[in-house]
Amino acid sequence: MIYLLRHGEITQSSPRRFVGRRDLPLTELGRTQAARWGERLRGVGFQVVYTSPLSRCQDTARLAAPGRKIVVEPHWQEISLGAWEGLSTEEVRERFPGQHQARGEDLAGHRPQGGESFAQVAARVAPLLEALADGPSPVLVVAHSGVIRAGLCRVLGLPLGHLLRLELDYAGMCLVERGRQGWKLHGFNLRPEGF
């Protein structure tokens, strides 16, 4: 079984801004969310814990799997939004006319200037999931919403252009495994209280 955990809550500004690979820390609630997972997952014998290099994921991993070996894997890093990172939607519309609309029309394939598309994210994450399915189990991966959703769409055969329909909250957990008949999703956006 592969446990895919989105990092805990981070501070969002108002108006909301594109985060991407900006290294924003967990809020106090984010730390609490991760610690709750640590309590719930205490008895799970994870073979290894993988995490994105960004601090919000590493901190979540330390709290959700205390005392376990953590391996930082750059390919689990969030989608790069390039020149859009740190900008509000309105600022993107002003600085890059037509690009926000173009992304909405081709969510899978559109690349912000200097960034990457969700198709590129899925292409780097799907092989990681395949490799984990071939290895020892269970495994915990602490990553980002865009990365988890893109990877799930790819291995489950879902249209990548619809990945934003998969609402994954801060500290939401997904359970997935590959069996004889292919990939199966055993849980999506699970919370520690209801796990």
C-alpha atoms as a PDB file:
ATOM      1  CA  MET A   1       0.000   0.000   0.000  1.00  0.00           C
ATOM      2  CA  ILE A   2       1.216   3.493  -0.873  1.00  0.00           C
ATOM      3  CA  TYR A   3       0.106   6.260   1.485  1.00  0.00           C
ATOM      4  CA  LEU A   4       0.112   9.644  -0.273  1.00  0.00           C
ATOM      5  CA  LEU A   5      -0.146  12.516   2.204  1.00  0.00           C
ATOM      6  CA  ARG A   6      -0.494  16.150   1.257  1.00  0.00           C
ATOM      7  CA  HIS A   7       1.495  18.442   3.541  1.00  0.00           C
ATOM      8  CA  GLY A   8      -0.289  20.311   6.329  1.00  0.00           C
ATOM      9  CA  GLU A   9      -1.742  23.793   6.084  1.00  0.00           C
ATOM     10  CA  ILE A  10       0.453  26.684   4.975  1.00  0.00           C
ATOM     11  CA  THR A  11      -0.230  30.406   5.291  1.00  0.00           C
ATOM     12  CA  GLN A  12      -2.196  31.810   2.368  1.00  0.00           C
ATOM     13  CA  SER A  13      -2.224  35.490   1.603  1.00  0.00           C
ATOM     14  CA  SER A  14      -5.230  37.519   0.577  1.00  0.00           C
ATOM     15  CA  PRO A  15      -5.760  37.756  -2.295  1.00  0.00           C
ATOM     16  CA  ARG A  16      -4.701  34.154  -2.774  1.00  0.00           C
ATOM     17  CA  ARG A  17      -1.453  33.736  -4.697  1.00  0.00           C
ATOM     18  CA  PHE A  18       0.017  30.943  -6.814  1.00  0.00           C
ATOM     19  CA  VAL A  19       2.324  28.972  -4.530  1.00  0.00           C
ATOM     20  CA  GLY A  20       4.075  26.381  -6.700  1.00  0.00           C
ATOM     21  CA  ARG A  21       7.593  25.768  -5.428  1.00  0.00           C
ATOM     22  CA  ARG A  22       7.771  28.731  -3.065  1.00  0.00           C
ATOM     23  CA  ASP A  23       9.014  27.279   0.217  1.00  0.00           C
ATOM     24  CA  LEU A  24       6.261  28.353   2.593  1.00  0.00           C
ATOM     25  CA  PRO A  25       6.267  26.942   6.142  1.00  0.00           C
ATOM     26  CA  LEU A  26       3.497  25.054   7.902  1.00  0.00           C
ATOM     27  CA  THR A  27       1.104  27.002  10.083  1.00  0.00           C
ATOM     28  CA  GLU A  28       0.491  25.898  13.650  1.00  0.00           C
ATOM     29  CA  LEU A  29      -2.632  24.116  12.404  1.00  0.00           C
ATOM     30  CA  GLY A  30      -0.520  22.429   9.708  1.00  0.00           C
ATOM     31  CA  ARG A  31       1.847  21.107  12.380  1.00  0.00           C
ATOM     32  CA  THR A  32      -1.129  19.862  14.401  1.00  0.00           C
ATOM     33  CA  GLN A  33      -2.614  18.117  11.348  1.00  0.00           C
ATOM     34  CA  ALA A  34       0.684  16.312  10.711  1.00  0.00           C
ATOM     35  CA  ALA A  35       1.042  15.323  14.383  1.00  0.00           C
ATOM     36  CA  ARG A  36      -2.476  13.845  14.340  1.00  0.00           C
ATOM     37  CA  TRP A  37      -1.427  11.661  11.431  1.00  0.00           C
ATOM     38  CA  GLY A  38       1.595  10.639  13.489  1.00  0.00           C
ATOM     39  CA  GLU A  39      -0.754   9.372  16.204  1.00  0.00           C
ATOM     40  CA  ARG A  40      -3.006   7.535  13.732  1.00  0.00           C
ATOM     41  CA  LEU A  41      -0.136   5.966  11.776  1.00  0.00           C
ATOM     42  CA  ARG A  42       1.939   4.937  14.802  1.00  0.00           C
ATOM     43  CA  GLY A  43       1.352   1.214  14.214  1.00  0.00           C
ATOM     44  CA  VAL A  44       1.958   1.250  10.465  1.00  0.00           C
ATOM     45  CA  GLY A  45       5.344  -0.284   9.664  1.00  0.00           C
ATOM     46  CA  PHE A  46       6.429   2.031   6.871  1.00  0.00           C
ATOM     47  CA  GLN A  47       9.409   0.631   4.991  1.00  0.00           C
ATOM     48  CA  VAL A  48      10.435   4.114   3.958  1.00  0.00           C
ATOM     49  CA  VAL A  49       9.096   7.681   3.996  1.00  0.00           C
ATOM     50  CA  TYR A  50       9.652   9.835   0.920  1.00  0.00           C
ATOM     51  CA  THR A  51       9.176  13.575   0.826  1.00  0.00           C
ATOM     52  CA  SER A  52       9.451  16.570  -1.451  1.00  0.00           C
ATOM     53  CA  PRO A  53      12.470  18.785  -0.759  1.00  0.00           C
ATOM     54  CA  LEU A  54      10.230  21.680   0.313  1.00  0.00           C
ATOM     55  CA  SER A  55      10.185  22.307   4.077  1.00  0.00           C
ATOM     56  CA  ARG A  56       6.397  22.049   4.408  1.00  0.00           C
ATOM     57  CA  CYS A  57       6.596  18.414   3.273  1.00  0.00           C
ATOM     58  CA  GLN A  58       9.707  17.522   5.267  1.00  0.00           C
ATOM     59  CA  ASP A  59       8.193  18.994   8.438  1.00  0.00           C
ATOM     60  CA  THR A  60       4.919  17.152   7.814  1.00  0.00           C
ATOM     61  CA  ALA A  61       6.850  13.892   7.296  1.00  0.00           C
ATOM     62  CA  ARG A  62       8.785  14.288  10.557  1.00  0.00           C
ATOM     63  CA  LEU A  63       5.554  14.799  12.499  1.00  0.00           C
ATOM     64  CA  ALA A  64       3.495  12.165  10.656  1.00  0.00           C
ATOM     65  CA  ALA A  65       6.189   9.489  10.847  1.00  0.00           C
ATOM     66  CA  PRO A  66       8.379  10.364  13.855  1.00  0.00           C
ATOM     67  CA  GLY A  67      11.605   8.427  14.159  1.00  0.00           C
ATOM     68  CA  ARG A  68      11.382   6.937  10.681  1.00  0.00           C
ATOM     69  CA  LYS A  69      14.003   7.346   7.972  1.00  0.00           C
ATOM     70  CA  ILE A  70      13.020  10.131   5.575  1.00  0.00           C
ATOM     71  CA  VAL A  71      14.293  10.193   1.997  1.00  0.00           C
ATOM     72  CA  VAL A  72      14.088  13.499   0.128  1.00  0.00           C
ATOM     73  CA  GLU A  73      13.124  12.887  -3.513  1.00  0.00           C
ATOM     74  CA  PRO A  74      13.212  15.967  -5.804  1.00  0.00           C
ATOM     75  CA  HIS A  75      10.684  14.463  -8.234  1.00  0.00           C
ATOM     76  CA  TRP A  76       7.947  14.718  -5.550  1.00  0.00           C
ATOM     77  CA  GLN A  77       8.329  18.517  -5.590  1.00  0.00           C
ATOM     78  CA  GLU A  78       5.267  20.588  -6.448  1.00  0.00           C
ATOM     79  CA  ILE A  79       4.518  21.766  -9.973  1.00  0.00           C
ATOM     80  CA  SER A  80       6.692  24.667 -11.038  1.00  0.00           C
ATOM     81  CA  LEU A  81       4.517  27.632 -11.945  1.00  0.00           C
ATOM     82  CA  GLY A  82       7.510  29.640 -13.125  1.00  0.00           C
ATOM     83  CA  ALA A  83       6.854  33.366 -13.454  1.00  0.00           C
ATOM     84  CA  TRP A  84       3.375  32.969 -11.923  1.00  0.00           C
ATOM     85  CA  GLU A  85       4.637  31.981  -8.481  1.00  0.00           C
ATOM     86  CA  GLY A  86       3.793  34.545  -5.841  1.00  0.00           C
ATOM     87  CA  LEU A  87       1.310  36.338  -8.098  1.00  0.00           C
ATOM     88  CA  SER A  88      -2.438  36.657  -7.646  1.00  0.00           C
ATOM     89  CA  THR A  89      -4.784  35.582 -10.427  1.00  0.00           C
ATOM     90  CA  GLU A  90      -5.382  39.237 -11.292  1.00  0.00           C
ATOM     91  CA  GLU A  91      -1.640  39.906 -11.503  1.00  0.00           C
ATOM     92  CA  VAL A  92      -1.186  36.896 -13.806  1.00  0.00           C
ATOM     93  CA  ARG A  93      -3.984  38.201 -16.062  1.00  0.00           C
ATOM     94  CA  GLU A  94      -2.353  41.654 -16.204  1.00  0.00           C
ATOM     95  CA  ARG A  95       1.244  40.483 -16.773  1.00  0.00           C
ATOM     96  CA  PHE A  96       0.526  37.519 -19.054  1.00  0.00           C
ATOM     97  CA  PRO A  97      -2.554  38.415 -21.107  1.00  0.00           C
ATOM     98  CA  GLY A  98      -4.568  35.396 -22.207  1.00  0.00           C
ATOM     99  CA  GLN A  99      -2.364  32.873 -20.403  1.00  0.00           C
ATOM    100  CA  HIS A 100      -4.628  32.254 -17.412  1.00  0.00           C
ATOM    101  CA  GLN A 101      -7.527  31.545 -19.764  1.00  0.00           C
ATOM    102  CA  ALA A 102      -5.294  29.334 -21.928  1.00  0.00           C
ATOM    103  CA  ARG A 103      -4.372  27.284 -18.868  1.00  0.00           C
ATOM    104  CA  GLY A 104      -8.035  26.861 -18.004  1.00  0.00           C
ATOM    105  CA  GLU A 105      -8.708  25.590 -21.517  1.00  0.00           C
ATOM    106  CA  ASP A 106      -5.766  23.145 -21.481  1.00  0.00           C
ATOM    107  CA  LEU A 107      -5.014  22.346 -17.847  1.00  0.00           C
ATOM    108  CA  ALA A 108      -3.017  19.238 -18.725  1.00  0.00           C
ATOM    109  CA  GLY A 109      -0.788  20.746 -21.386  1.00  0.00           C
ATOM    110  CA  HIS A 110      -0.401  24.451 -20.642  1.00  0.00           C
ATOM    111  CA  ARG A 111       2.924  25.632 -19.199  1.00  0.00           C
ATOM    112  CA  PRO A 112       3.200  28.984 -17.441  1.00  0.00           C
ATOM    113  CA  GLN A 113       6.277  30.933 -18.548  1.00  0.00           C
ATOM    114  CA  GLY A 114       9.313  29.202 -17.031  1.00  0.00           C
ATOM    115  CA  GLY A 115       7.137  26.546 -15.412  1.00  0.00           C
ATOM    116  CA  GLU A 116       5.805  23.113 -16.210  1.00  0.00           C
ATOM    117  CA  SER A 117       2.514  21.577 -17.265  1.00  0.00           C
ATOM    118  CA  PHE A 118       0.531  19.005 -15.328  1.00  0.00           C
ATOM    119  CA  ALA A 119       1.371  16.543 -18.134  1.00  0.00           C
ATOM    120  CA  GLN A 120       5.039  17.052 -17.306  1.00  0.00           C
ATOM    121  CA  VAL A 121       4.308  16.581 -13.599  1.00  0.00           C
ATOM    122  CA  ALA A 122       2.417  13.346 -14.288  1.00  0.00           C
ATOM    123  CA  ALA A 123       5.293  12.122 -16.469  1.00  0.00           C
ATOM    124  CA  ARG A 124       7.783  12.531 -13.612  1.00  0.00           C
ATOM    125  CA  VAL A 125       5.499  11.209 -10.841  1.00  0.00           C
ATOM    126  CA  ALA A 126       3.935   8.121 -12.480  1.00  0.00           C
ATOM    127  CA  PRO A 127       7.295   6.278 -12.711  1.00  0.00           C
ATOM    128  CA  LEU A 128       7.860   6.975  -9.005  1.00  0.00           C
ATOM    129  CA  LEU A 129       4.517   5.377  -8.166  1.00  0.00           C
ATOM    130  CA  GLU A 130       5.286   2.390 -10.394  1.00  0.00           C
ATOM    131  CA  ALA A 131       8.656   1.914  -8.668  1.00  0.00           C
ATOM    132  CA  LEU A 132       7.045   2.140  -5.221  1.00  0.00           C
ATOM    133  CA  ALA A 133       4.464  -0.468  -6.248  1.00  0.00           C
ATOM    134  CA  ASP A 134       7.341  -2.817  -7.136  1.00  0.00           C
ATOM    135  CA  GLY A 135       9.119  -2.271  -3.815  1.00  0.00           C
ATOM    136  CA  PRO A 136       8.530  -3.092  -0.151  1.00  0.00           C
ATOM    137  CA  SER A 137       5.250  -1.962   1.344  1.00  0.00           C
ATOM    138  CA  PRO A 138       3.790   0.041   3.023  1.00  0.00           C
ATOM    139  CA  VAL A 139       5.361   3.327   1.973  1.00  0.00           C
ATOM    140  CA  LEU A 140       4.506   6.898   2.962  1.00  0.00           C
ATOM    141  CA  VAL A 141       4.994   9.784   0.526  1.00  0.00           C
ATOM    142  CA  VAL A 142       4.517  13.353   1.736  1.00  0.00           C
ATOM    143  CA  ALA A 143       4.050  15.632  -1.244  1.00  0.00           C
ATOM    144  CA  HIS A 144       1.841  18.326  -2.748  1.00  0.00           C
ATOM    145  CA  SER A 145      -1.713  18.500  -4.020  1.00  0.00           C
ATOM    146  CA  GLY A 146      -0.817  19.031  -7.679  1.00  0.00           C
ATOM    147  CA  VAL A 147       1.743  16.238  -7.669  1.00  0.00           C
ATOM    148  CA  ILE A 148      -0.497  13.718  -5.916  1.00  0.00           C
ATOM    149  CA  ARG A 149      -3.496  14.462  -8.121  1.00  0.00           C
ATOM    150  CA  ALA A 150      -1.458  14.348 -11.341  1.00  0.00           C
ATOM    151  CA  GLY A 151       0.122  11.050 -10.333  1.00  0.00           C
ATOM    152  CA  LEU A 152      -3.212   9.516  -9.381  1.00  0.00           C
ATOM    153  CA  CYS A 153      -4.817  10.600 -12.650  1.00  0.00           C
ATOM    154  CA  ARG A 154      -1.988   9.028 -14.641  1.00  0.00           C
ATOM    155  CA  VAL A 155      -1.894   5.636 -12.886  1.00  0.00           C
ATOM    156  CA  LEU A 156      -5.689   5.355 -12.548  1.00  0.00           C
ATOM    157  CA  GLY A 157      -6.264   6.289 -16.190  1.00  0.00           C
ATOM    158  CA  LEU A 158      -8.294   9.427 -15.400  1.00  0.00           C
ATOM    159  CA  PRO A 159      -8.288  12.471 -17.710  1.00  0.00           C
ATOM    160  CA  LEU A 160      -5.476  14.726 -16.537  1.00  0.00           C
ATOM    161  CA  GLY A 161      -7.438  17.804 -17.580  1.00  0.00           C
ATOM    162  CA  HIS A 162      -9.920  17.061 -14.784  1.00  0.00           C
ATOM    163  CA  LEU A 163      -7.415  16.771 -11.925  1.00  0.00           C
ATOM    164  CA  LEU A 164      -8.746  19.876 -10.170  1.00  0.00           C
ATOM    165  CA  ARG A 165     -12.029  18.007  -9.674  1.00  0.00           C
ATOM    166  CA  LEU A 166     -10.117  15.879  -7.170  1.00  0.00           C
ATOM    167  CA  GLU A 167     -10.253  18.158  -4.134  1.00  0.00           C
ATOM    168  CA  LEU A 168      -7.355  17.296  -1.815  1.00  0.00           C
ATOM    169  CA  ASP A 169      -7.286  19.241   1.449  1.00  0.00           C
ATOM    170  CA  TYR A 170      -4.227  20.117   3.493  1.00  0.00           C
ATOM    171  CA  ALA A 171      -3.099  16.923   5.279  1.00  0.00           C
ATOM    172  CA  GLY A 172      -5.474  14.844   3.138  1.00  0.00           C
ATOM    173  CA  MET A 173      -4.370  11.223   2.695  1.00  0.00           C
ATOM    174  CA  CYS A 174      -4.827   8.968  -0.341  1.00  0.00           C
ATOM    175  CA  LEU A 175      -4.306   5.201  -0.332  1.00  0.00           C
ATOM    176  CA  VAL A 176      -3.391   3.472  -3.563  1.00  0.00           C
ATOM    177  CA  GLU A 177      -1.917   0.160  -4.620  1.00  0.00           C
ATOM    178  CA  ARG A 178      -1.231  -1.777  -7.773  1.00  0.00           C
ATOM    179  CA  GLY A 179      -2.659  -5.274  -7.952  1.00  0.00           C
ATOM    180  CA  ARG A 180      -3.098  -7.950 -10.602  1.00  0.00           C
ATOM    181  CA  GLN A 181      -5.874  -5.984 -12.276  1.00  0.00           C
ATOM    182  CA  GLY A 182      -4.091  -2.652 -12.157  1.00  0.00           C
ATOM    183  CA  TRP A 183      -4.154   0.316  -9.830  1.00  0.00           C
ATOM    184  CA  LYS A 184      -6.839   0.747  -7.188  1.00  0.00           C
ATOM    185  CA  LEU A 185      -7.672   3.763  -5.077  1.00  0.00           C
ATOM    186  CA  HIS A 186      -8.575   2.631  -1.549  1.00  0.00           C
ATOM    187  CA  GLY A 187      -9.095   6.062  -0.033  1.00  0.00           C
ATOM    188  CA  PHE A 188      -9.049   9.695  -1.079  1.00  0.00           C
ATOM    189  CA  ASN A 189      -8.713  12.879   1.007  1.00  0.00           C
ATOM    190  CA  LEU A 190      -8.876  10.887   4.251  1.00  0.00           C
ATOM    191  CA  ARG A 191      -8.572  12.767   7.538  1.00  0.00           C
ATOM    192  CA  PRO A 192      -6.794  11.400  10.622  1.00  0.00           C
ATOM    193  CA  GLU A 193     -10.011  11.665  12.638  1.00  0.00           C
ATOM    194  CA  GLY A 194     -11.878   9.317  10.292  1.00  0.00           C
ATOM    195  CA  PHE A 195      -9.081   6.985   9.224  1.00  0.00           C
END
